[in-house]
Each structure stands twice: as structure tokens, then as C-alpha cells.
């Protein structure tokens, strides 16, 4: 009976350590997930701004192309 007590004690300590590790890792994963979500939101907003800029660029480009065609026709 005396031989089982150290085994049970060490088993309980290891079990508590494993549970603490799982909880710590879960918290770290949650923090990482929130940081990644924040960064993805910023990337999406940048992409939206870039898309709006590209639309404006192509509108301006088509106006310039029309003006160039008009000038070519005058010559």
C-alpha cells in the first residue's frame, strides 16, 4: 500500500500540469486568433482602398485615352 502513494501523487501532479498547459495554450491561441483577426481586418480595409484607387485610375486612364484619340484625329 505504501508503494502506491508516491505513484498516485506523481500521477496527480502530472495530470494537473497537463491541464495547466492545456489552459495556457488555449489562452495563447485565443490571443493569437484575435491578433490575426485584427490584422485581417486591416488588410481587408487596405484592399478596399486599393480597389477604389484602381477604379479611379482606370476611369482617368480611359479619359486620357479618349483625349489622346481626339488629338490624333486632329492631326
PDB file of N, CA and C in Angstrom:
ATOM      1  N   UNK A   1       0.814  -1.191   0.000  1.00  0.00           N
ATOM      2  CA  UNK A   1       0.000   0.000   0.000  1.00  0.00           C
ATOM      3  C   UNK A   1       0.857   1.254   0.000  1.00  0.00           C
ATOM      4  N   UNK A   2       1.997   1.190   0.669  1.00  0.00           N
ATOM      5  CA  UNK A   2       2.884   2.350   0.738  1.00  0.00           C
ATOM      6  C   UNK A   2       3.555   2.619  -0.596  1.00  0.00           C
ATOM      7  N   UNK A   3       3.645   1.648  -1.441  1.00  0.00           N
ATOM      8  CA  UNK A   3       4.282   1.815  -2.741  1.00  0.00           C
ATOM      9  C   UNK A   3       3.371   2.557  -3.722  1.00  0.00           C
ATOM     10  N   UNK A   4       2.087   2.554  -3.499  1.00  0.00           N
ATOM     11  CA  UNK A   4       1.121   3.177  -4.407  1.00  0.00           C
ATOM     12  C   UNK A   4       1.018   4.686  -4.174  1.00  0.00           C
ATOM     13  N   UNK A   5       1.236   5.151  -2.956  1.00  0.00           N
ATOM     14  CA  UNK A   5       1.076   6.569  -2.624  1.00  0.00           C
ATOM     15  C   UNK A   5       1.981   7.474  -3.455  1.00  0.00           C
ATOM     16  N   UNK A   6       3.259   7.219  -3.629  1.00  0.00           N
ATOM     17  CA  UNK A   6       4.094   8.095  -4.472  1.00  0.00           C
ATOM     18  C   UNK A   6       3.652   8.075  -5.929  1.00  0.00           C
ATOM     19  N   UNK A   7       3.196   6.919  -6.376  1.00  0.00           N
ATOM     20  CA  UNK A   7       2.717   6.797  -7.744  1.00  0.00           C
ATOM     21  C   UNK A   7       1.468   7.640  -7.971  1.00  0.00           C
ATOM     22  N   UNK A   8       0.535   7.584  -7.041  1.00  0.00           N
ATOM     23  CA  UNK A   8      -0.698   8.377  -7.145  1.00  0.00           C
ATOM     24  C   UNK A   8      -0.370   9.863  -7.065  1.00  0.00           C
ATOM     25  N   UNK A   9       0.519  10.235  -6.166  1.00  0.00           N
ATOM     26  CA  UNK A   9       0.907  11.640  -6.011  1.00  0.00           C
ATOM     27  C   UNK A   9       1.547  12.165  -7.286  1.00  0.00           C
ATOM     28  N   UNK A  10       2.456  11.415  -7.847  1.00  0.00           N
ATOM     29  CA  UNK A  10       3.123  11.878  -9.061  1.00  0.00           C
ATOM     30  C   UNK A  10       2.139  11.914 -10.237  1.00  0.00           C
ATOM     31  N   UNK A  11       1.209  10.977 -10.269  1.00  0.00           N
ATOM     32  CA  UNK A  11       0.206  10.962 -11.332  1.00  0.00           C
ATOM     33  C   UNK A  11      -0.685  12.200 -11.242  1.00  0.00           C
ATOM     34  N   UNK A  12      -1.088  12.569 -10.050  1.00  0.00           N
ATOM     35  CA  UNK A  12      -1.928  13.748  -9.858  1.00  0.00           C
ATOM     36  C   UNK A  12      -1.163  15.016 -10.247  1.00  0.00           C
ATOM     37  N   UNK A  13       0.097  15.108  -9.873  1.00  0.00           N
ATOM     38  CA  UNK A  13       0.907  16.280 -10.208  1.00  0.00           C
ATOM     39  C   UNK A  13       1.062  16.394 -11.717  1.00  0.00           C
ATOM     40  N   UNK A  14       1.331  15.290 -12.375  1.00  0.00           N
ATOM     41  CA  UNK A  14       1.473  15.306 -13.844  1.00  0.00           C
ATOM     42  C   UNK A  14       0.154  15.695 -14.493  1.00  0.00           C
ATOM     43  N   UNK A  15      -0.952  15.166 -14.000  1.00  0.00           N
ATOM     44  CA  UNK A  15      -2.274  15.474 -14.543  1.00  0.00           C
ATOM     45  C   UNK A  15      -2.592  16.965 -14.396  1.00  0.00           C
ATOM     46  N   UNK A  16      -2.318  17.536 -13.240  1.00  0.00           N
ATOM     47  CA  UNK A  16      -2.549  18.963 -13.016  1.00  0.00           C
ATOM     48  C   UNK A  16      -1.656  19.797 -13.930  1.00  0.00           C
ATOM     49  N   UNK A  17      -0.418  19.367 -14.116  1.00  0.00           N
ATOM     50  CA  UNK A  17       0.494  20.070 -15.021  1.00  0.00           C
ATOM     51  C   UNK A  17       0.002  20.041 -16.459  1.00  0.00           C
ATOM     52  N   UNK A  18      -0.505  18.907 -16.887  1.00  0.00           N
ATOM     53  CA  UNK A  18      -1.046  18.795 -18.248  1.00  0.00           C
ATOM     54  C   UNK A  18      -2.256  19.708 -18.421  1.00  0.00           C
ATOM     55  N   UNK A  19      -3.161  19.722 -17.447  1.00  0.00           N
ATOM     56  CA  UNK A  19      -4.334  20.601 -17.523  1.00  0.00           C
ATOM     57  C   UNK A  19      -3.937  22.070 -17.570  1.00  0.00           C
ATOM     58  N   UNK A  20      -2.955  22.445 -16.758  1.00  0.00           N
ATOM     59  CA  UNK A  20      -2.479  23.838 -16.753  1.00  0.00           C
ATOM     60  C   UNK A  20      -1.879  24.192 -18.116  1.00  0.00           C
ATOM     61  N   UNK A  21      -1.129  23.271 -18.690  1.00  0.00           N
ATOM     62  CA  UNK A  21      -0.556  23.505 -20.015  1.00  0.00           C
ATOM     63  C   UNK A  21      -1.616  23.670 -21.082  1.00  0.00           C
ATOM     64  N   UNK A  22      -2.641  22.854 -21.020  1.00  0.00           N
ATOM     65  CA  UNK A  22      -3.738  22.954 -21.985  1.00  0.00           C
ATOM     66  C   UNK A  22      -4.435  24.309 -21.859  1.00  0.00           C
ATOM     67  N   UNK A  23      -4.729  24.728 -20.630  1.00  0.00           N
ATOM     68  CA  UNK A  23      -5.401  26.011 -20.431  1.00  0.00           C
ATOM     69  C   UNK A  23      -4.516  27.175 -20.882  1.00  0.00           C
ATOM     70  N   UNK A  24      -3.218  27.113 -20.591  1.00  0.00           N
ATOM     71  CA  UNK A  24      -2.285  28.161 -21.006  1.00  0.00           C
ATOM     72  C   UNK A  24      -2.215  28.249 -22.527  1.00  0.00           C
ATOM     73  N   UNK A  25      -2.113  27.103 -23.182  1.00  0.00           N
ATOM     74  CA  UNK A  25      -2.045  27.088 -24.639  1.00  0.00           C
ATOM     75  C   UNK A  25      -3.335  27.593 -25.263  1.00  0.00           C
ATOM     76  N   UNK A  26      -4.469  27.273 -24.669  1.00  0.00           N
ATOM     77  CA  UNK A  26      -5.750  27.747 -25.206  1.00  0.00           C
ATOM     78  C   UNK A  26      -5.823  29.266 -25.123  1.00  0.00           C
ATOM     79  N   UNK A  27      -5.354  29.831 -24.035  1.00  0.00           N
ATOM     80  CA  UNK A  27      -5.358  31.281 -23.875  1.00  0.00           C
ATOM     81  C   UNK A  27      -4.447  31.929 -24.910  1.00  0.00           C
ATOM     82  N   UNK A  28      -3.284  31.322 -25.141  1.00  0.00           N
ATOM     83  CA  UNK A  28      -2.349  31.854 -26.138  1.00  0.00           C
ATOM     84  C   UNK A  28      -2.945  31.763 -27.539  1.00  0.00           C
ATOM     85  N   UNK A  29      -3.646  30.688 -27.816  1.00  0.00           N
ATOM     86  CA  UNK A  29      -4.292  30.533 -29.124  1.00  0.00           C
ATOM     87  C   UNK A  29      -5.372  31.586 -29.298  1.00  0.00           C
ATOM     88  N   UNK A  30      -6.141  31.870 -28.249  1.00  0.00           N
ATOM     89  CA  UNK A  30      -7.172  32.902 -28.331  1.00  0.00           C
ATOM     90  C   UNK A  30      -6.568  34.269 -28.611  1.00  0.00           C
ATOM     91  N   UNK A  31      -5.443  34.583 -27.954  1.00  0.00           N
ATOM     92  CA  UNK A  31      -4.776  35.868 -28.190  1.00  0.00           C
ATOM     93  C   UNK A  31      -4.283  35.951 -29.628  1.00  0.00           C
ATOM     94  N   UNK A  32      -3.676  34.882 -30.096  1.00  0.00           N
ATOM     95  CA  UNK A  32      -3.176  34.849 -31.466  1.00  0.00           C
ATOM     96  C   UNK A  32      -4.320  35.006 -32.460  1.00  0.00           C
ATOM     97  N   UNK A  33      -5.415  34.345 -32.199  1.00  0.00           N
ATOM     98  CA  UNK A  33      -6.581  34.421 -33.080  1.00  0.00           C
ATOM     99  C   UNK A  33      -7.120  35.850 -33.149  1.00  0.00           C
ATOM    100  N   UNK A  34      -7.184  36.538 -32.021  1.00  0.00           N
ATOM    101  CA  UNK A  34      -7.694  37.912 -32.031  1.00  0.00           C
ATOM    102  C   UNK A  34      -6.731  38.845 -32.764  1.00  0.00           C
ATOM    103  N   UNK A  35      -5.415  38.628 -32.598  1.00  0.00           N
ATOM    104  CA  UNK A  35      -4.435  39.449 -33.330  1.00  0.00           C
ATOM    105  C   UNK A  35      -4.534  39.211 -34.824  1.00  0.00           C
ATOM    106  N   UNK A  36      -4.694  37.963 -35.224  1.00  0.00           N
ATOM    107  CA  UNK A  36      -4.807  37.643 -36.647  1.00  0.00           C
ATOM    108  C   UNK A  36      -6.086  38.234 -37.233  1.00  0.00           C
ATOM    109  N   UNK A  37      -7.158  38.196 -36.471  1.00  0.00           N
ATOM    110  CA  UNK A  37      -8.422  38.773 -36.938  1.00  0.00           C
ATOM    111  C   UNK A  37      -8.286  40.278 -37.134  1.00  0.00           C
ATOM    112  N   UNK A  38      -7.606  40.929 -36.216  1.00  0.00           N
ATOM    113  CA  UNK A  38      -7.372  42.367 -36.320  1.00  0.00           C
ATOM    114  C   UNK A  38      -6.552  42.692 -37.559  1.00  0.00           C
ATOM    115  N   UNK A  39      -5.513  41.912 -37.788  1.00  0.00           N
ATOM    116  CA  UNK A  39      -4.666  42.150 -38.965  1.00  0.00           C
ATOM    117  C   UNK A  39      -5.427  41.883 -40.252  1.00  0.00           C
ATOM    118  N   UNK A  40      -6.255  40.863 -40.260  1.00  0.00           N
ATOM    119  CA  UNK A  40      -7.040  40.573 -41.462  1.00  0.00           C
ATOM    120  C   UNK A  40      -8.018  41.707 -41.756  1.00  0.00           C
ATOM    121  N   UNK A  41      -8.596  42.298 -40.705  1.00  0.00           N
ATOM    122  CA  UNK A  41      -9.488  43.446 -40.903  1.00  0.00           C
ATOM    123  C   UNK A  41      -8.736  44.611 -41.528  1.00  0.00           C
ATOM    124  N   UNK A  42      -7.510  44.855 -41.045  1.00  0.00           N
ATOM    125  CA  UNK A  42      -6.708  45.942 -41.619  1.00  0.00           C
ATOM    126  C   UNK A  42      -6.335  45.657 -43.064  1.00  0.00           C
ATOM    127  N   UNK A  43      -6.006  44.416 -43.363  1.00  0.00           N
ATOM    128  CA  UNK A  43      -5.659  44.053 -44.737  1.00  0.00           C
ATOM    129  C   UNK A  43      -6.865  44.222 -45.647  1.00  0.00           C
ATOM    130  N   UNK A  44      -8.040  43.808 -45.186  1.00  0.00           N
ATOM    131  CA  UNK A  44      -9.248  43.958 -45.992  1.00  0.00           C
ATOM    132  C   UNK A  44      -9.558  45.424 -46.257  1.00  0.00           C
ATOM    133  N   UNK A  45      -9.363  46.280 -45.256  1.00  0.00           N
ATOM    134  CA  UNK A  45      -9.629  47.703 -45.474  1.00  0.00           C
ATOM    135  C   UNK A  45      -8.629  48.294 -46.457  1.00  0.00           C
ATOM    136  N   UNK A  46      -7.371  47.857 -46.383  1.00  0.00           N
ATOM    137  CA  UNK A  46      -6.370  48.319 -47.358  1.00  0.00           C
ATOM    138  C   UNK A  46      -6.732  47.869 -48.755  1.00  0.00           C
ATOM    139  N   UNK A  47      -7.158  46.625 -48.893  1.00  0.00           N
ATOM    140  CA  UNK A  47      -7.547  46.127 -50.207  1.00  0.00           C
ATOM    141  C   UNK A  47      -8.742  46.895 -50.761  1.00  0.00           C
ATOM    142  N   UNK A  48      -9.681  47.240 -49.890  1.00  0.00           N
ATOM    143  CA  UNK A  48     -10.833  48.036 -50.337  1.00  0.00           C
ATOM    144  C   UNK A  48     -10.384  49.399 -50.843  1.00  0.00           C
ATOM    145  N   UNK A  49      -9.454  50.034 -50.120  1.00  0.00           N
ATOM    146  CA  UNK A  49      -8.942  51.333 -50.568  1.00  0.00           C
ATOM    147  C   UNK A  49      -8.190  51.202 -51.877  1.00  0.00           C
ATOM    148  N   UNK A  50      -7.407  50.135 -52.012  1.00  0.00           N
ATOM    149  CA  UNK A  50      -6.675  49.919 -53.258  1.00  0.00           C
ATOM    150  C   UNK A  50      -7.638  49.695 -54.421  1.00  0.00           C
ATOM    151  N   UNK A  51      -8.699  48.966 -54.180  1.00  0.00           N
ATOM    152  CA  UNK A  51      -9.692  48.721 -55.219  1.00  0.00           C
ATOM    153  C   UNK A  51     -10.329  50.032 -55.660  1.00  0.00           C
ATOM    154  N   UNK A  52     -10.665  50.890 -54.718  1.00  0.00           N
ATOM    155  CA  UNK A  52     -11.252  52.189 -55.051  1.00  0.00           C
ATOM    156  C   UNK A  52     -10.253  53.036 -55.843  1.00  0.00           C
ATOM    157  N   UNK A  53      -8.989  52.997 -55.450  1.00  0.00           N
ATOM    158  CA  UNK A  53      -7.962  53.738 -56.181  1.00  0.00           C
ATOM    159  C   UNK A  53      -7.803  53.209 -57.599  1.00  0.00           C
ATOM    160  N   UNK A  54      -7.844  51.903 -57.761  1.00  0.00           N
ATOM    161  CA  UNK A  54      -7.715  51.316 -59.097  1.00  0.00           C
ATOM    162  C   UNK A  54      -8.894  51.706 -59.987  1.00  0.00           C
ATOM    163  N   UNK A  55     -10.081  51.743 -59.426  1.00  0.00           N
ATOM    164  CA  UNK A  55     -11.255  52.166 -60.207  1.00  0.00           C
ATOM    165  C   UNK A  55     -11.060  53.596 -60.689  1.00  0.00           C
ATOM    166  N   UNK A  56     -10.621  54.465 -59.800  1.00  0.00           N
ATOM    167  CA  UNK A  56     -10.363  55.857 -60.187  1.00  0.00           C
ATOM    168  C   UNK A  56      -9.268  55.945 -61.242  1.00  0.00           C
ATOM    169  N   UNK A  57      -8.216  55.158 -61.072  1.00  0.00           N
ATOM    170  CA  UNK A  57      -7.114  55.169 -62.028  1.00  0.00           C
ATOM    171  C   UNK A  57      -7.604  54.783 -63.422  1.00  0.00           C
ATOM    172  N   UNK A  58      -8.392  53.714 -63.521  1.00  0.00           N
ATOM    173  CA  UNK A  58      -8.855  53.273 -64.826  1.00  0.00           C
ATOM    174  C   UNK A  58      -9.865  54.238 -65.437  1.00  0.00           C
ATOM    175  N   UNK A  59     -10.650  54.915 -64.615  1.00  0.00           N
ATOM    176  CA  UNK A  59     -11.537  55.960 -65.139  1.00  0.00           C
ATOM    177  C   UNK A  59     -10.706  57.085 -65.751  1.00  0.00           C
ATOM    178  N   UNK A  60      -9.685  57.513 -65.019  1.00  0.00           N
ATOM    179  CA  UNK A  60      -8.817  58.583 -65.508  1.00  0.00           C
ATOM    180  C   UNK A  60      -8.077  58.144 -66.765  1.00  0.00           C
ATOM    181  N   UNK A  61      -7.612  56.914 -66.790  1.00  0.00           N
ATOM    182  CA  UNK A  61      -6.903  56.382 -67.939  1.00  0.00           C
ATOM    183  C   UNK A  61      -7.787  56.384 -69.183  1.00  0.00           C
ATOM    184  N   UNK A  62      -9.033  56.000 -69.020  1.00  0.00           N
ATOM    185  CA  UNK A  62      -9.932  55.994 -70.185  1.00  0.00           C
ATOM    186  C   UNK A  62     -10.192  57.410 -70.676  1.00  0.00           C
ATOM    187  N   UNK A  63     -10.297  58.375 -69.768  1.00  0.00           N
ATOM    188  CA  UNK A  63     -10.477  59.774 -70.191  1.00  0.00           C
ATOM    189  C   UNK A  63      -9.250  60.254 -70.957  1.00  0.00           C
ATOM    190  N   UNK A  64      -8.065  59.883 -70.482  1.00  0.00           N
ATOM    191  CA  UNK A  64      -6.832  60.275 -71.171  1.00  0.00           C
ATOM    192  C   UNK A  64      -6.737  59.621 -72.541  1.00  0.00           C
ATOM    193  N   UNK A  65      -7.136  58.355 -72.613  1.00  0.00           N
ATOM    194  CA  UNK A  65      -7.113  57.666 -73.900  1.00  0.00           C
ATOM    195  C   UNK A  65      -8.043  58.344 -74.893  1.00  0.00           C
ATOM    196  N   UNK A  66      -9.213  58.758 -74.414  1.00  0.00           N
ATOM    197  CA  UNK A  66     -10.147  59.472 -75.288  1.00  0.00           C
ATOM    198  C   UNK A  66      -9.547  60.786 -75.767  1.00  0.00           C
ATOM    199  N   UNK A  67      -8.878  61.495 -74.855  1.00  0.00           N
ATOM    200  CA  UNK A  67      -8.262  62.771 -75.229  1.00  0.00           C
ATOM    201  C   UNK A  67      -7.132  62.541 -76.234  1.00  0.00           C
ATOM    202  N   UNK A  68      -6.371  61.506 -76.066  1.00  0.00           N
ATOM    203  CA  UNK A  68      -5.280  61.203 -76.993  1.00  0.00           C
ATOM    204  C   UNK A  68      -5.839  60.848 -78.376  1.00  0.00           C
ATOM    205  N   UNK A  69      -6.896  60.063 -78.386  1.00  0.00           N
ATOM    206  CA  UNK A  69      -7.524  59.703 -79.662  1.00  0.00           C
ATOM    207  C   UNK A  69      -8.050  60.954 -80.364  1.00  0.00           C
ATOM    208  N   UNK A  70      -8.641  61.840 -79.602  1.00  0.00           N
ATOM    209  CA  UNK A  70      -9.147  63.113 -80.181  1.00  0.00           C
ATOM    210  C   UNK A  70      -8.008  63.920 -80.768  1.00  0.00           C
ATOM    211  N   UNK A  71      -6.889  64.022 -80.068  1.00  0.00           N
ATOM    212  CA  UNK A  71      -5.726  64.759 -80.569  1.00  0.00           C
ATOM    213  C   UNK A  71      -5.151  64.096 -81.809  1.00  0.00           C
ATOM    214  N   UNK A  72      -5.115  62.785 -81.840  1.00  0.00           N
ATOM    215  CA  UNK A  72      -4.603  62.077 -83.015  1.00  0.00           C
ATOM    216  C   UNK A  72      -5.477  62.346 -84.244  1.00  0.00           C
ATOM    217  N   UNK A  73      -6.778  62.418 -84.024  1.00  0.00           N
ATOM    218  CA  UNK A  73      -7.701  62.662 -85.139  1.00  0.00           C
ATOM    219  C   UNK A  73      -7.545  64.068 -85.691  1.00  0.00           C
ATOM    220  N   UNK A  74      -7.149  65.004 -84.870  1.00  0.00           N
ATOM    221  CA  UNK A  74      -6.984  66.405 -85.312  1.00  0.00           C
ATOM    222  C   UNK A  74      -5.776  66.549 -86.244  1.00  0.00           C
ATOM    223  N   UNK A  75      -4.792  65.715 -86.103  1.00  0.00           N
ATOM    224  CA  UNK A  75      -3.566  65.857 -86.910  1.00  0.00           C
ATOM    225  C   UNK A  75      -3.777  65.471 -88.319  1.00  0.00           C
TER     226      UNK A  75
END
